[in-house]
Amino acid sequence: MTASLPNCPSCNSEYTYEDGSLLVCPMCAHEWTRESAEAEALAALVKDSNGNVLNDGDNVTVIKDLKIKGSSNVIKQGTKVKGIRLVDPEDGHDIDCKIPGIGQMSLKSEFVKKID
């Protein structure tokens, strides 16, 4: 019966139980509903400018010229970036990648398009 219950989103404990419509974690006393857990999972997905879900290791292309803060360099539209890494958003920048000719950068997913 406990195999169908999700782990606690706060402490990742497997010892969760149902209390009415709530799910409760006895380890950290966190309470949540199944609907809120599903909504959080959907919100955590990183999507490109077309709404495609991005994953670690995907290849993307830049959809518009991007100025690099503190530099006169520009990342040109159509620049292909291989092997992106998704990170927790920092000022909206949720992709870490290495851009050819520029180096390590953080990008916002709204300015990239997934390529096959």
N, C-alpha and C. Protein backbone atom coordinates (compact mmCIF):
# COMPACT_ATOMS: atom_id res chain seq x y z
N MET A 1 0.82 -1.19 0.00
CA MET A 1 0.00 0.00 0.00
C MET A 1 0.87 1.26 0.00
N THR A 2 1.97 1.27 0.72
CA THR A 2 2.82 2.45 0.78
C THR A 2 3.65 2.63 -0.49
N ALA A 3 3.68 1.59 -1.35
CA ALA A 3 4.45 1.69 -2.59
C ALA A 3 3.83 2.72 -3.53
N SER A 4 2.52 2.96 -3.44
CA SER A 4 1.86 3.91 -4.33
C SER A 4 1.98 5.35 -3.82
N LEU A 5 2.39 5.52 -2.60
CA LEU A 5 2.53 6.88 -2.05
C LEU A 5 3.89 7.47 -2.43
N PRO A 6 3.89 8.75 -2.80
CA PRO A 6 5.17 9.38 -3.18
C PRO A 6 6.02 9.68 -1.96
N ASN A 7 7.32 9.83 -2.19
CA ASN A 7 8.22 10.26 -1.11
C ASN A 7 7.91 11.70 -0.75
N CYS A 8 8.32 12.09 0.43
CA CYS A 8 8.11 13.46 0.91
C CYS A 8 8.90 14.43 0.03
N PRO A 9 8.27 15.50 -0.50
CA PRO A 9 8.99 16.46 -1.33
C PRO A 9 9.95 17.34 -0.52
N SER A 10 9.78 17.35 0.79
CA SER A 10 10.63 18.19 1.63
C SER A 10 11.91 17.47 2.05
N CYS A 11 11.77 16.24 2.58
CA CYS A 11 12.95 15.53 3.09
C CYS A 11 13.23 14.23 2.35
N ASN A 12 12.39 13.88 1.37
CA ASN A 12 12.51 12.67 0.55
C ASN A 12 12.34 11.37 1.35
N SER A 13 11.66 11.45 2.48
CA SER A 13 11.40 10.26 3.29
C SER A 13 10.38 9.37 2.60
N GLU A 14 10.58 8.07 2.70
CA GLU A 14 9.65 7.12 2.08
C GLU A 14 8.48 6.78 3.01
N TYR A 15 8.51 7.26 4.24
CA TYR A 15 7.50 6.90 5.24
C TYR A 15 6.35 7.90 5.26
N THR A 16 5.68 8.07 4.14
CA THR A 16 4.55 8.99 4.08
C THR A 16 3.26 8.21 4.28
N TYR A 17 2.22 8.90 4.71
CA TYR A 17 0.91 8.27 4.88
C TYR A 17 -0.18 9.27 4.54
N GLU A 18 -1.38 8.73 4.26
CA GLU A 18 -2.53 9.57 3.93
C GLU A 18 -3.32 9.89 5.18
N ASP A 19 -3.76 11.15 5.26
CA ASP A 19 -4.64 11.59 6.34
C ASP A 19 -5.77 12.37 5.68
N GLY A 20 -6.82 11.67 5.33
CA GLY A 20 -7.90 12.30 4.57
C GLY A 20 -7.40 12.57 3.15
N SER A 21 -7.48 13.82 2.73
CA SER A 21 -7.01 14.17 1.38
C SER A 21 -5.54 14.63 1.39
N LEU A 22 -4.94 14.70 2.57
CA LEU A 22 -3.55 15.14 2.69
C LEU A 22 -2.59 13.97 2.74
N LEU A 23 -1.39 14.20 2.26
CA LEU A 23 -0.29 13.26 2.47
C LEU A 23 0.60 13.88 3.54
N VAL A 24 1.07 13.07 4.47
CA VAL A 24 1.82 13.57 5.62
C VAL A 24 3.13 12.81 5.75
N CYS A 25 4.18 13.55 6.10
CA CYS A 25 5.47 12.93 6.37
C CYS A 25 5.71 12.95 7.88
N PRO A 26 5.86 11.80 8.51
CA PRO A 26 6.10 11.77 9.96
C PRO A 26 7.52 12.21 10.34
N MET A 27 8.43 12.22 9.38
CA MET A 27 9.82 12.56 9.68
C MET A 27 10.02 14.07 9.83
N CYS A 28 9.36 14.87 8.96
CA CYS A 28 9.56 16.33 9.00
C CYS A 28 8.25 17.09 9.20
N ALA A 29 7.12 16.38 9.32
CA ALA A 29 5.79 16.95 9.54
C ALA A 29 5.30 17.79 8.36
N HIS A 30 5.83 17.55 7.17
CA HIS A 30 5.37 18.26 5.98
C HIS A 30 4.06 17.65 5.51
N GLU A 31 3.09 18.51 5.13
CA GLU A 31 1.80 18.06 4.63
C GLU A 31 1.58 18.63 3.24
N TRP A 32 1.03 17.83 2.33
CA TRP A 32 0.75 18.27 0.97
C TRP A 32 -0.35 17.41 0.38
N THR A 33 -0.88 17.85 -0.75
CA THR A 33 -1.90 17.07 -1.45
C THR A 33 -1.28 16.48 -2.71
N ARG A 34 -1.92 15.46 -3.23
CA ARG A 34 -1.43 14.85 -4.48
C ARG A 34 -1.44 15.88 -5.62
N GLU A 35 -2.47 16.71 -5.66
CA GLU A 35 -2.58 17.71 -6.72
C GLU A 35 -1.43 18.71 -6.65
N SER A 36 -1.05 19.13 -5.44
CA SER A 36 0.05 20.09 -5.32
C SER A 36 1.37 19.45 -5.72
N ALA A 37 1.54 18.17 -5.43
CA ALA A 37 2.77 17.47 -5.81
C ALA A 37 2.86 17.35 -7.34
N GLU A 38 1.73 17.07 -7.99
CA GLU A 38 1.71 16.98 -9.44
C GLU A 38 1.94 18.35 -10.08
N ALA A 39 1.37 19.40 -9.50
CA ALA A 39 1.56 20.76 -10.03
C ALA A 39 3.02 21.20 -9.90
N GLU A 40 3.65 20.85 -8.77
CA GLU A 40 5.06 21.18 -8.58
C GLU A 40 5.94 20.44 -9.58
N ALA A 41 5.61 19.20 -9.86
CA ALA A 41 6.39 18.41 -10.82
C ALA A 41 6.28 19.02 -12.22
N LEU A 42 5.08 19.48 -12.60
CA LEU A 42 4.91 20.12 -13.91
C LEU A 42 5.63 21.45 -13.97
N ALA A 43 5.62 22.22 -12.88
CA ALA A 43 6.29 23.52 -12.84
C ALA A 43 7.80 23.36 -12.89
N ALA A 44 8.31 22.24 -12.40
CA ALA A 44 9.75 22.02 -12.36
C ALA A 44 10.32 21.67 -13.73
N LEU A 45 9.46 21.31 -14.69
CA LEU A 45 9.95 20.99 -16.02
C LEU A 45 10.49 22.24 -16.70
N VAL A 46 11.63 22.11 -17.35
CA VAL A 46 12.22 23.22 -18.08
C VAL A 46 11.84 23.06 -19.55
N LYS A 47 11.24 24.10 -20.12
CA LYS A 47 10.77 24.03 -21.50
C LYS A 47 11.48 25.09 -22.34
N ASP A 48 11.65 24.78 -23.63
CA ASP A 48 12.27 25.74 -24.54
C ASP A 48 11.23 26.75 -25.03
N SER A 49 11.61 27.57 -25.99
CA SER A 49 10.73 28.62 -26.49
C SER A 49 9.48 28.08 -27.18
N ASN A 50 9.53 26.85 -27.66
CA ASN A 50 8.38 26.23 -28.33
C ASN A 50 7.56 25.35 -27.40
N GLY A 51 7.95 25.24 -26.15
CA GLY A 51 7.21 24.42 -25.19
C GLY A 51 7.68 22.99 -25.12
N ASN A 52 8.77 22.63 -25.79
CA ASN A 52 9.33 21.28 -25.70
C ASN A 52 10.09 21.13 -24.39
N VAL A 53 9.94 20.00 -23.75
CA VAL A 53 10.62 19.74 -22.48
C VAL A 53 12.10 19.49 -22.75
N LEU A 54 12.97 20.19 -22.00
CA LEU A 54 14.41 20.03 -22.14
C LEU A 54 14.93 19.07 -21.08
N ASN A 55 15.96 18.30 -21.43
CA ASN A 55 16.61 17.37 -20.51
C ASN A 55 18.11 17.60 -20.55
N ASP A 56 18.81 17.10 -19.52
CA ASP A 56 20.27 17.17 -19.53
C ASP A 56 20.80 16.46 -20.76
N GLY A 57 21.80 17.06 -21.40
CA GLY A 57 22.43 16.45 -22.55
C GLY A 57 21.79 16.79 -23.88
N ASP A 58 20.67 17.52 -23.88
CA ASP A 58 20.02 17.90 -25.13
C ASP A 58 20.88 18.89 -25.90
N ASN A 59 20.63 18.96 -27.19
CA ASN A 59 21.26 19.96 -28.06
C ASN A 59 20.23 21.02 -28.37
N VAL A 60 20.64 22.29 -28.29
CA VAL A 60 19.73 23.40 -28.53
C VAL A 60 20.39 24.41 -29.47
N THR A 61 19.57 25.30 -30.00
CA THR A 61 20.07 26.41 -30.79
C THR A 61 19.50 27.70 -30.22
N VAL A 62 20.27 28.78 -30.29
CA VAL A 62 19.86 30.07 -29.77
C VAL A 62 18.92 30.71 -30.79
N ILE A 63 17.78 31.26 -30.34
CA ILE A 63 16.77 31.76 -31.27
C ILE A 63 16.89 33.26 -31.55
N LYS A 64 17.71 34.00 -30.80
CA LYS A 64 17.90 35.42 -31.08
C LYS A 64 19.28 35.84 -30.60
N ASP A 65 19.79 36.94 -31.13
CA ASP A 65 21.09 37.45 -30.69
C ASP A 65 21.01 37.81 -29.21
N LEU A 66 22.00 37.35 -28.44
CA LEU A 66 22.04 37.62 -27.01
C LEU A 66 23.31 38.37 -26.66
N LYS A 67 23.16 39.54 -26.04
CA LYS A 67 24.32 40.30 -25.59
C LYS A 67 24.85 39.65 -24.32
N ILE A 68 26.17 39.62 -24.20
CA ILE A 68 26.79 39.06 -23.00
C ILE A 68 27.08 40.20 -22.05
N LYS A 69 26.51 40.11 -20.86
CA LYS A 69 26.67 41.17 -19.87
C LYS A 69 28.14 41.36 -19.52
N GLY A 70 28.62 42.59 -19.55
CA GLY A 70 29.99 42.90 -19.19
C GLY A 70 30.99 42.65 -20.30
N SER A 71 30.51 42.45 -21.51
CA SER A 71 31.38 42.16 -22.64
C SER A 71 30.77 42.76 -23.90
N SER A 72 31.59 42.93 -24.92
CA SER A 72 31.08 43.42 -26.19
C SER A 72 30.71 42.26 -27.11
N ASN A 73 30.92 41.02 -26.66
CA ASN A 73 30.59 39.84 -27.45
C ASN A 73 29.09 39.63 -27.52
N VAL A 74 28.66 38.94 -28.56
CA VAL A 74 27.25 38.61 -28.76
C VAL A 74 27.15 37.14 -29.14
N ILE A 75 26.17 36.45 -28.58
CA ILE A 75 25.87 35.09 -29.02
C ILE A 75 24.88 35.22 -30.16
N LYS A 76 25.28 34.82 -31.34
CA LYS A 76 24.47 35.01 -32.54
C LYS A 76 23.31 34.02 -32.61
N GLN A 77 22.24 34.48 -33.24
CA GLN A 77 21.08 33.62 -33.49
C GLN A 77 21.53 32.42 -34.33
N GLY A 78 21.06 31.24 -33.99
CA GLY A 78 21.41 30.04 -34.72
C GLY A 78 22.62 29.31 -34.17
N THR A 79 23.27 29.87 -33.13
CA THR A 79 24.41 29.20 -32.51
C THR A 79 23.95 27.88 -31.91
N LYS A 80 24.61 26.78 -32.27
CA LYS A 80 24.25 25.46 -31.75
C LYS A 80 25.04 25.19 -30.48
N VAL A 81 24.33 24.72 -29.47
CA VAL A 81 24.93 24.38 -28.19
C VAL A 81 24.65 22.91 -27.92
N LYS A 82 25.72 22.14 -27.69
CA LYS A 82 25.57 20.70 -27.48
C LYS A 82 25.71 20.36 -26.00
N GLY A 83 24.95 19.40 -25.56
CA GLY A 83 25.09 18.85 -24.21
C GLY A 83 24.80 19.83 -23.10
N ILE A 84 23.59 20.41 -23.08
CA ILE A 84 23.25 21.36 -22.02
C ILE A 84 23.09 20.63 -20.69
N ARG A 85 23.16 21.41 -19.61
CA ARG A 85 22.94 20.87 -18.27
C ARG A 85 21.91 21.76 -17.59
N LEU A 86 20.84 21.17 -17.08
CA LEU A 86 19.79 21.92 -16.40
C LEU A 86 20.18 22.13 -14.94
N VAL A 87 19.98 23.36 -14.46
CA VAL A 87 20.33 23.71 -13.09
C VAL A 87 19.14 24.42 -12.45
N ASP A 88 19.18 24.59 -11.14
CA ASP A 88 18.16 25.37 -10.46
C ASP A 88 18.25 26.80 -10.96
N PRO A 89 17.11 27.41 -11.30
CA PRO A 89 17.13 28.75 -11.88
C PRO A 89 17.80 29.78 -10.96
N GLU A 90 18.74 30.49 -11.54
CA GLU A 90 19.44 31.57 -10.84
C GLU A 90 19.21 32.81 -11.68
N ASP A 91 18.36 33.73 -11.24
CA ASP A 91 17.96 34.91 -12.01
C ASP A 91 17.33 34.50 -13.34
N GLY A 92 16.63 33.38 -13.36
CA GLY A 92 15.97 32.92 -14.57
C GLY A 92 16.85 32.10 -15.50
N HIS A 93 18.14 32.01 -15.21
CA HIS A 93 19.07 31.24 -16.04
C HIS A 93 19.06 29.79 -15.57
N ASP A 94 18.39 28.92 -16.33
CA ASP A 94 18.23 27.54 -15.89
C ASP A 94 18.99 26.53 -16.74
N ILE A 95 19.87 27.00 -17.62
CA ILE A 95 20.69 26.12 -18.45
C ILE A 95 22.16 26.52 -18.30
N ASP A 96 23.02 25.55 -18.00
CA ASP A 96 24.46 25.75 -18.05
C ASP A 96 24.96 25.04 -19.30
N CYS A 97 25.87 25.69 -20.02
CA CYS A 97 26.36 25.09 -21.25
C CYS A 97 27.71 25.70 -21.62
N LYS A 98 28.35 25.07 -22.58
CA LYS A 98 29.60 25.59 -23.14
C LYS A 98 29.30 26.01 -24.57
N ILE A 99 29.47 27.31 -24.84
CA ILE A 99 29.17 27.84 -26.17
C ILE A 99 30.47 27.94 -26.95
N PRO A 100 30.49 27.36 -28.16
CA PRO A 100 31.71 27.39 -28.97
C PRO A 100 32.20 28.82 -29.22
N GLY A 101 33.48 29.05 -28.96
CA GLY A 101 34.08 30.36 -29.20
C GLY A 101 33.88 31.34 -28.07
N ILE A 102 33.06 31.00 -27.08
CA ILE A 102 32.79 31.92 -25.97
C ILE A 102 33.15 31.29 -24.63
N GLY A 103 32.72 30.04 -24.41
CA GLY A 103 33.03 29.34 -23.18
C GLY A 103 31.80 29.03 -22.35
N GLN A 104 32.01 28.80 -21.07
CA GLN A 104 30.94 28.42 -20.15
C GLN A 104 29.97 29.57 -19.94
N MET A 105 28.67 29.29 -20.08
CA MET A 105 27.64 30.31 -19.94
C MET A 105 26.41 29.73 -19.26
N SER A 106 25.58 30.62 -18.74
CA SER A 106 24.25 30.27 -18.28
C SER A 106 23.25 30.95 -19.20
N LEU A 107 22.23 30.22 -19.62
CA LEU A 107 21.22 30.76 -20.52
C LEU A 107 19.83 30.58 -19.93
N LYS A 108 18.90 31.40 -20.41
CA LYS A 108 17.50 31.22 -20.06
C LYS A 108 16.88 30.32 -21.11
N SER A 109 16.04 29.38 -20.67
CA SER A 109 15.46 28.41 -21.60
C SER A 109 14.52 29.08 -22.61
N GLU A 110 14.02 30.26 -22.31
CA GLU A 110 13.11 30.93 -23.24
C GLU A 110 13.81 31.42 -24.51
N PHE A 111 15.14 31.43 -24.52
CA PHE A 111 15.90 31.91 -25.68
C PHE A 111 16.55 30.78 -26.47
N VAL A 112 16.14 29.55 -26.21
CA VAL A 112 16.72 28.41 -26.95
C VAL A 112 15.60 27.56 -27.54
N LYS A 113 15.95 26.77 -28.57
CA LYS A 113 15.02 25.86 -29.21
C LYS A 113 15.71 24.51 -29.29
N LYS A 114 15.00 23.47 -28.88
CA LYS A 114 15.55 22.11 -28.90
C LYS A 114 15.71 21.64 -30.34
N ILE A 115 16.86 21.02 -30.63
CA ILE A 115 17.08 20.44 -31.96
C ILE A 115 17.32 18.94 -31.79
N ASP A 116 17.10 18.19 -32.86
CA ASP A 116 17.22 16.73 -32.78
C ASP A 116 18.62 16.25 -32.91
